[in-house]
Amino acid sequence: MAGRELSSTRSPRVKAARRLAKRAFRRREHRFLAEGPQAVREALALNGVLAELFATAEAENRHQDLIAQAEKAGVPIFRVSGEVMAELAQTVTPQGLLAVCEFVDVALDKALSPAPRLVTVLAHVRDPGNAGTVLRTADAAGSDSVIFTDASVDPYNGKCVRASAGSLFHLPVVTGPRFDALIPALKGAGLTVVAADGAGDASLDTALDAGTLDGPTAWVFGNEAWGLPEEILNAVDEVVRVPIYGGAESLNLATAAAVCLYTSARAQRASRTP
């Protein structure tokens, strides 16, 4: 079980972990916070990612399997009071387990090798909850990687990590490339670059019928409020809109991404079926 008990929010180790709620400190330390048993379980599945584990006594008893796995992996475990956990956690009702994890992002060339079939690009996406949900959706749809451009939210933001529901640890994630440098890399990897935008000339149905989505595809999703800037729309191979059959004005980002990614996943599987 826990080797040390931390009962003060002024503990240097607690302060060091709490600072990771800020992006500047995450970048400096190359570490981030992941809350809850699911996140801890997924982090433990990757060798060397879980750096420290904070747990309340109640959580230790409830999740003895995770505590045992962490101990076996040599992860330092610190029992903390409810007050300390409340200080560390970024949720209203903490689940009693909080991990300090090493960054898991990879270089762009690694994410695009070997030849990918489906890539998800977040460009100018600022809402961490939406970004994390798109990451989770991309994982479920079989995306080979997810790329956060330099104009998008930090994938290690606490809300983004929670919304990803563990998917941050499942597939290659790239952070920080400029879109103008990203486009040639995507096309060089044999991907057709398709932007999802309400102003697209082609509907998703049209693109599907035309076979546009049968081959390797990189989907680009933009800002929740104002979509994608003109320079991105001009740089991609095709701009596609999700058709609205009812009276709704639009779909939110995460829902639109789910529709697009699953449409591509189905089209690719159908094209490979004898």
Protein backbone atom coordinates (compact mmCIF):
# COMPACT_ATOMS: atom_id res chain seq x y z
CA MET A 1 0.00 0.00 0.00
CA ALA A 2 1.00 3.67 0.14
CA GLY A 3 4.51 4.20 1.38
CA ARG A 4 3.97 7.72 2.66
CA GLU A 5 1.00 9.69 3.90
CA LEU A 6 0.43 13.26 2.85
CA SER A 7 -2.05 15.21 4.94
CA SER A 8 -1.03 18.79 4.18
CA THR A 9 -1.90 20.72 1.04
CA ARG A 10 1.40 22.56 1.59
CA SER A 11 3.46 19.45 1.00
CA PRO A 12 6.06 20.10 -1.72
CA ARG A 13 4.99 16.97 -3.57
CA VAL A 14 1.34 18.02 -3.49
CA LYS A 15 2.26 21.50 -4.68
CA ALA A 16 4.35 20.06 -7.51
CA ALA A 17 1.46 17.91 -8.69
CA ARG A 18 -1.10 20.70 -8.34
CA ARG A 19 1.00 22.97 -10.56
CA LEU A 20 0.43 20.54 -13.44
CA ALA A 21 -3.09 21.96 -13.72
CA LYS A 22 -1.39 24.85 -15.56
CA ARG A 23 -0.18 24.38 -19.13
CA ALA A 24 3.14 26.18 -18.60
CA PHE A 25 4.13 23.76 -15.84
CA ARG A 26 2.95 20.74 -17.84
CA ARG A 27 5.17 21.78 -20.73
CA ARG A 28 8.13 22.38 -18.45
CA GLU A 29 7.82 19.06 -16.61
CA HIS A 30 6.45 17.00 -19.55
CA ARG A 31 3.89 15.62 -17.12
CA PHE A 32 0.12 15.87 -16.65
CA LEU A 33 -2.64 14.80 -14.27
CA ALA A 34 -5.10 11.97 -14.92
CA GLU A 35 -8.01 11.43 -12.54
CA GLY A 36 -10.04 8.37 -11.70
CA PRO A 37 -9.61 4.60 -11.82
CA GLN A 38 -10.17 4.29 -15.58
CA ALA A 39 -7.41 6.76 -16.39
CA VAL A 40 -5.07 5.07 -13.91
CA ARG A 41 -5.82 1.65 -15.43
CA GLU A 42 -5.08 2.89 -18.97
CA ALA A 43 -1.89 4.66 -17.87
CA LEU A 44 -0.66 1.51 -16.14
CA ALA A 45 -1.09 -0.40 -19.40
CA LEU A 46 1.66 1.74 -20.94
CA ASN A 47 5.10 1.01 -19.58
CA GLY A 48 6.74 3.95 -17.81
CA VAL A 49 3.88 6.43 -18.25
CA LEU A 50 2.50 6.50 -14.69
CA ALA A 51 5.02 8.43 -12.60
CA GLU A 52 3.21 8.90 -9.27
CA LEU A 53 -0.11 7.86 -7.80
CA PHE A 54 -2.10 9.67 -5.12
CA ALA A 55 -4.90 7.74 -3.40
CA THR A 56 -7.23 8.20 -0.47
CA ALA A 57 -7.56 5.31 1.99
CA GLU A 58 -11.08 4.63 0.73
CA ALA A 59 -9.91 4.48 -2.89
CA GLU A 60 -7.06 2.14 -1.92
CA ASN A 61 -9.56 -0.29 -0.46
CA ARG A 62 -11.96 0.03 -3.41
CA HIS A 63 -9.28 -0.36 -6.10
CA GLN A 64 -6.85 -2.82 -4.59
CA ASP A 65 -6.12 -4.30 -8.03
CA LEU A 66 -4.87 -0.97 -9.38
CA ILE A 67 -2.82 -0.28 -6.26
CA ALA A 68 -1.23 -3.72 -6.60
CA GLN A 69 -0.44 -3.13 -10.29
CA ALA A 70 1.13 0.23 -9.49
CA GLU A 71 3.23 -1.28 -6.71
CA LYS A 72 4.37 -4.08 -9.03
CA ALA A 73 5.37 -1.47 -11.61
CA GLY A 74 7.42 0.41 -9.02
CA VAL A 75 5.21 3.50 -9.08
CA PRO A 76 5.50 5.69 -5.95
CA ILE A 77 2.13 5.66 -4.19
CA PHE A 78 1.09 8.35 -1.72
CA ARG A 79 -1.91 8.05 0.56
CA VAL A 80 -3.58 11.43 0.93
CA SER A 81 -6.38 12.89 2.99
CA GLY A 82 -9.67 13.93 1.45
CA GLU A 83 -8.59 17.55 1.80
CA VAL A 84 -5.41 16.94 -0.16
CA MET A 85 -7.27 15.00 -2.87
CA ALA A 86 -9.74 17.86 -3.18
CA GLU A 87 -6.79 20.22 -3.66
CA LEU A 88 -5.25 18.01 -6.35
CA ALA A 89 -8.38 17.01 -8.23
CA GLN A 90 -10.06 19.16 -10.85
CA THR A 91 -13.50 17.60 -10.43
CA VAL A 92 -16.25 18.54 -7.99
CA THR A 93 -16.49 14.98 -6.66
CA PRO A 94 -13.04 13.34 -6.81
CA GLN A 95 -12.89 9.56 -7.21
CA GLY A 96 -9.95 9.20 -4.85
CA LEU A 97 -7.27 8.27 -7.39
CA LEU A 98 -5.07 10.74 -9.22
CA ALA A 99 -2.04 9.94 -11.34
CA VAL A 100 0.89 12.04 -12.44
CA CYS A 101 1.74 10.81 -15.93
CA GLU A 102 4.52 11.39 -18.41
CA PHE A 103 3.58 12.95 -21.75
CA VAL A 104 2.49 10.34 -24.28
CA ASP A 105 2.48 12.34 -27.54
CA VAL A 106 4.62 11.20 -30.46
CA ALA A 107 6.36 12.87 -33.40
CA LEU A 108 4.33 13.48 -36.55
CA ASP A 109 6.41 11.15 -38.70
CA LYS A 110 5.85 8.30 -36.25
CA ALA A 111 2.09 8.92 -36.21
CA LEU A 112 1.97 8.76 -40.02
CA SER A 113 4.04 5.60 -40.32
CA PRO A 114 3.25 2.99 -41.48
CA ALA A 115 0.72 4.27 -44.00
CA PRO A 116 -2.40 5.28 -42.02
CA ARG A 117 -5.97 4.74 -43.20
CA LEU A 118 -7.76 7.27 -41.00
CA VAL A 119 -6.33 10.34 -39.27
CA THR A 120 -8.16 12.92 -37.16
CA VAL A 121 -6.94 16.53 -37.12
CA LEU A 122 -8.14 19.14 -34.62
CA ALA A 123 -7.48 22.63 -36.00
CA HIS A 124 -8.43 25.69 -33.92
CA VAL A 125 -10.44 23.53 -31.51
CA ARG A 126 -10.44 25.43 -28.22
CA ASP A 127 -12.94 23.65 -25.98
CA PRO A 128 -11.16 20.88 -24.02
CA GLY A 129 -14.34 18.89 -23.41
CA ASN A 130 -15.12 18.79 -27.13
CA ALA A 131 -11.50 17.96 -27.97
CA GLY A 132 -11.41 15.07 -25.52
CA THR A 133 -14.72 13.72 -26.82
CA VAL A 134 -13.44 13.86 -30.42
CA LEU A 135 -10.32 12.01 -29.28
CA ARG A 136 -12.49 9.32 -27.69
CA THR A 137 -14.64 9.11 -30.83
CA ALA A 138 -11.58 8.86 -33.07
CA ASP A 139 -10.33 5.98 -30.97
CA ALA A 140 -13.68 4.19 -31.20
CA ALA A 141 -13.90 4.72 -34.97
CA GLY A 142 -10.45 3.22 -35.51
CA SER A 143 -8.51 6.38 -36.29
CA ASP A 144 -4.79 5.65 -36.56
CA SER A 145 -3.82 8.91 -34.86
CA VAL A 146 -5.13 12.26 -33.63
CA ILE A 147 -3.30 15.50 -34.36
CA PHE A 148 -3.77 18.69 -32.32
CA THR A 149 -2.44 21.66 -34.30
CA ASP A 150 -0.64 24.55 -32.62
CA ALA A 151 -3.88 26.58 -32.60
CA SER A 152 -5.84 23.95 -30.68
CA VAL A 153 -6.32 23.20 -27.00
CA ASP A 154 -3.69 21.28 -25.05
CA PRO A 155 -4.66 17.56 -25.04
CA TYR A 156 -3.21 17.34 -21.52
CA ASN A 157 -5.72 19.85 -20.19
CA GLY A 158 -7.52 18.14 -17.31
CA LYS A 159 -10.97 18.44 -18.86
CA CYS A 160 -9.68 17.08 -22.18
CA VAL A 161 -8.01 14.12 -20.46
CA ARG A 162 -11.23 13.28 -18.59
CA ALA A 163 -13.41 13.65 -21.70
CA SER A 164 -11.13 11.29 -23.63
CA ALA A 165 -12.13 8.54 -21.14
CA GLY A 166 -8.74 6.83 -21.43
CA SER A 167 -8.39 7.16 -25.21
CA LEU A 168 -5.46 9.55 -24.78
CA PHE A 169 -3.47 6.45 -23.82
CA HIS A 170 -4.75 4.27 -26.68
CA LEU A 171 -3.58 5.81 -29.94
CA PRO A 172 -0.78 8.06 -31.19
CA VAL A 173 -1.40 11.73 -30.39
CA VAL A 174 0.58 14.54 -32.01
CA THR A 175 0.69 18.03 -30.53
CA GLY A 176 1.68 21.40 -31.93
CA PRO A 177 2.32 21.21 -35.69
CA ARG A 178 1.41 24.24 -37.78
CA PHE A 179 -1.29 23.45 -40.29
CA ASP A 180 0.66 24.79 -43.25
CA ALA A 181 3.44 22.32 -42.46
CA LEU A 182 1.00 19.53 -41.64
CA ILE A 183 -0.78 19.47 -45.02
CA PRO A 184 2.24 18.29 -47.06
CA ALA A 185 2.97 15.61 -44.45
CA LEU A 186 -0.60 14.30 -44.62
CA LYS A 187 -0.66 14.25 -48.40
CA GLY A 188 2.83 12.75 -48.49
CA ALA A 189 1.48 9.87 -46.39
CA GLY A 190 -1.10 9.18 -49.11
CA LEU A 191 -4.06 10.72 -47.31
CA THR A 192 -6.89 12.65 -48.92
CA VAL A 193 -7.41 15.67 -46.66
CA VAL A 194 -11.10 16.41 -46.06
CA ALA A 195 -12.37 19.31 -43.97
CA ALA A 196 -15.72 19.14 -42.18
CA ASP A 197 -17.43 22.51 -42.49
CA GLY A 198 -21.04 23.65 -42.69
CA ALA A 199 -20.22 25.73 -45.76
CA GLY A 200 -18.88 22.78 -47.75
CA ASP A 201 -20.00 22.45 -51.38
CA ALA A 202 -20.31 18.66 -51.10
CA SER A 203 -22.48 16.87 -48.56
CA LEU A 204 -21.23 13.84 -46.67
CA ASP A 205 -23.67 11.70 -48.67
CA THR A 206 -22.26 13.01 -51.96
CA ALA A 207 -18.68 12.37 -50.86
CA LEU A 208 -19.61 8.87 -49.78
CA ASP A 209 -21.37 8.06 -53.07
CA ALA A 210 -18.44 9.45 -55.05
CA GLY A 211 -16.00 7.12 -53.29
CA THR A 212 -14.05 10.04 -51.81
CA LEU A 213 -13.99 8.37 -48.40
CA ASP A 214 -13.07 4.85 -49.55
CA GLY A 215 -9.32 5.44 -49.36
CA PRO A 216 -6.94 6.76 -46.70
CA THR A 217 -8.44 9.96 -45.30
CA ALA A 218 -7.46 12.72 -42.89
CA TRP A 219 -10.49 14.53 -41.45
CA VAL A 220 -9.96 18.13 -40.29
CA PHE A 221 -12.32 19.54 -37.66
CA GLY A 222 -12.41 23.19 -36.66
CA ASN A 223 -13.50 25.63 -34.03
CA GLU A 224 -16.81 25.03 -32.28
CA ALA A 225 -18.17 28.52 -32.97
CA TRP A 226 -16.66 29.71 -36.26
CA GLY A 227 -15.46 26.58 -38.01
CA LEU A 228 -12.27 26.56 -40.08
CA PRO A 229 -10.38 29.60 -41.40
CA GLU A 230 -10.28 30.27 -45.12
CA GLU A 231 -6.62 29.33 -45.49
CA ILE A 232 -7.34 25.81 -44.22
CA LEU A 233 -10.43 25.41 -46.41
CA ASN A 234 -8.33 26.41 -49.42
CA ALA A 235 -5.52 24.00 -48.55
CA VAL A 236 -7.51 20.76 -48.17
CA ASP A 237 -8.58 18.43 -50.98
CA GLU A 238 -12.30 18.70 -50.26
CA VAL A 239 -14.69 20.53 -47.92
CA VAL A 240 -17.65 18.43 -46.84
CA ARG A 241 -20.72 19.34 -44.83
CA VAL A 242 -22.81 17.00 -42.70
CA PRO A 243 -26.37 17.12 -44.07
CA ILE A 244 -29.09 18.39 -41.75
CA TYR A 245 -32.39 16.63 -42.47
CA GLY A 246 -34.41 18.21 -39.67
CA GLY A 247 -34.82 21.70 -38.27
CA ALA A 248 -31.59 21.94 -36.25
CA GLU A 249 -29.28 24.75 -37.27
CA SER A 250 -26.14 22.62 -36.90
CA LEU A 251 -24.44 19.79 -35.03
CA ASN A 252 -21.91 20.36 -32.29
CA LEU A 253 -18.28 19.53 -33.02
CA ALA A 254 -18.11 16.17 -31.28
CA THR A 255 -21.31 14.91 -32.89
CA ALA A 256 -20.26 16.03 -36.36
CA ALA A 257 -16.87 14.37 -35.88
CA ALA A 258 -18.55 11.12 -34.86
CA VAL A 259 -20.72 11.13 -37.99
CA CYS A 260 -17.77 11.87 -40.29
CA LEU A 261 -15.32 9.42 -38.76
CA TYR A 262 -17.78 6.53 -38.63
CA THR A 263 -18.84 7.23 -42.22
CA SER A 264 -15.21 6.97 -43.29
CA ALA A 265 -14.64 3.84 -41.20
CA ARG A 266 -17.66 2.13 -42.80
CA ALA A 267 -16.69 3.22 -46.31
CA GLN A 268 -13.13 1.93 -45.90
CA ARG A 269 -14.28 -1.42 -44.56
CA ALA A 270 -16.83 -1.80 -47.34
CA SER A 271 -14.20 -1.03 -49.99
CA ARG A 272 -11.96 -3.79 -48.60
CA THR A 273 -14.74 -6.40 -48.50
CA PRO A 274 -14.40 -8.93 -51.39
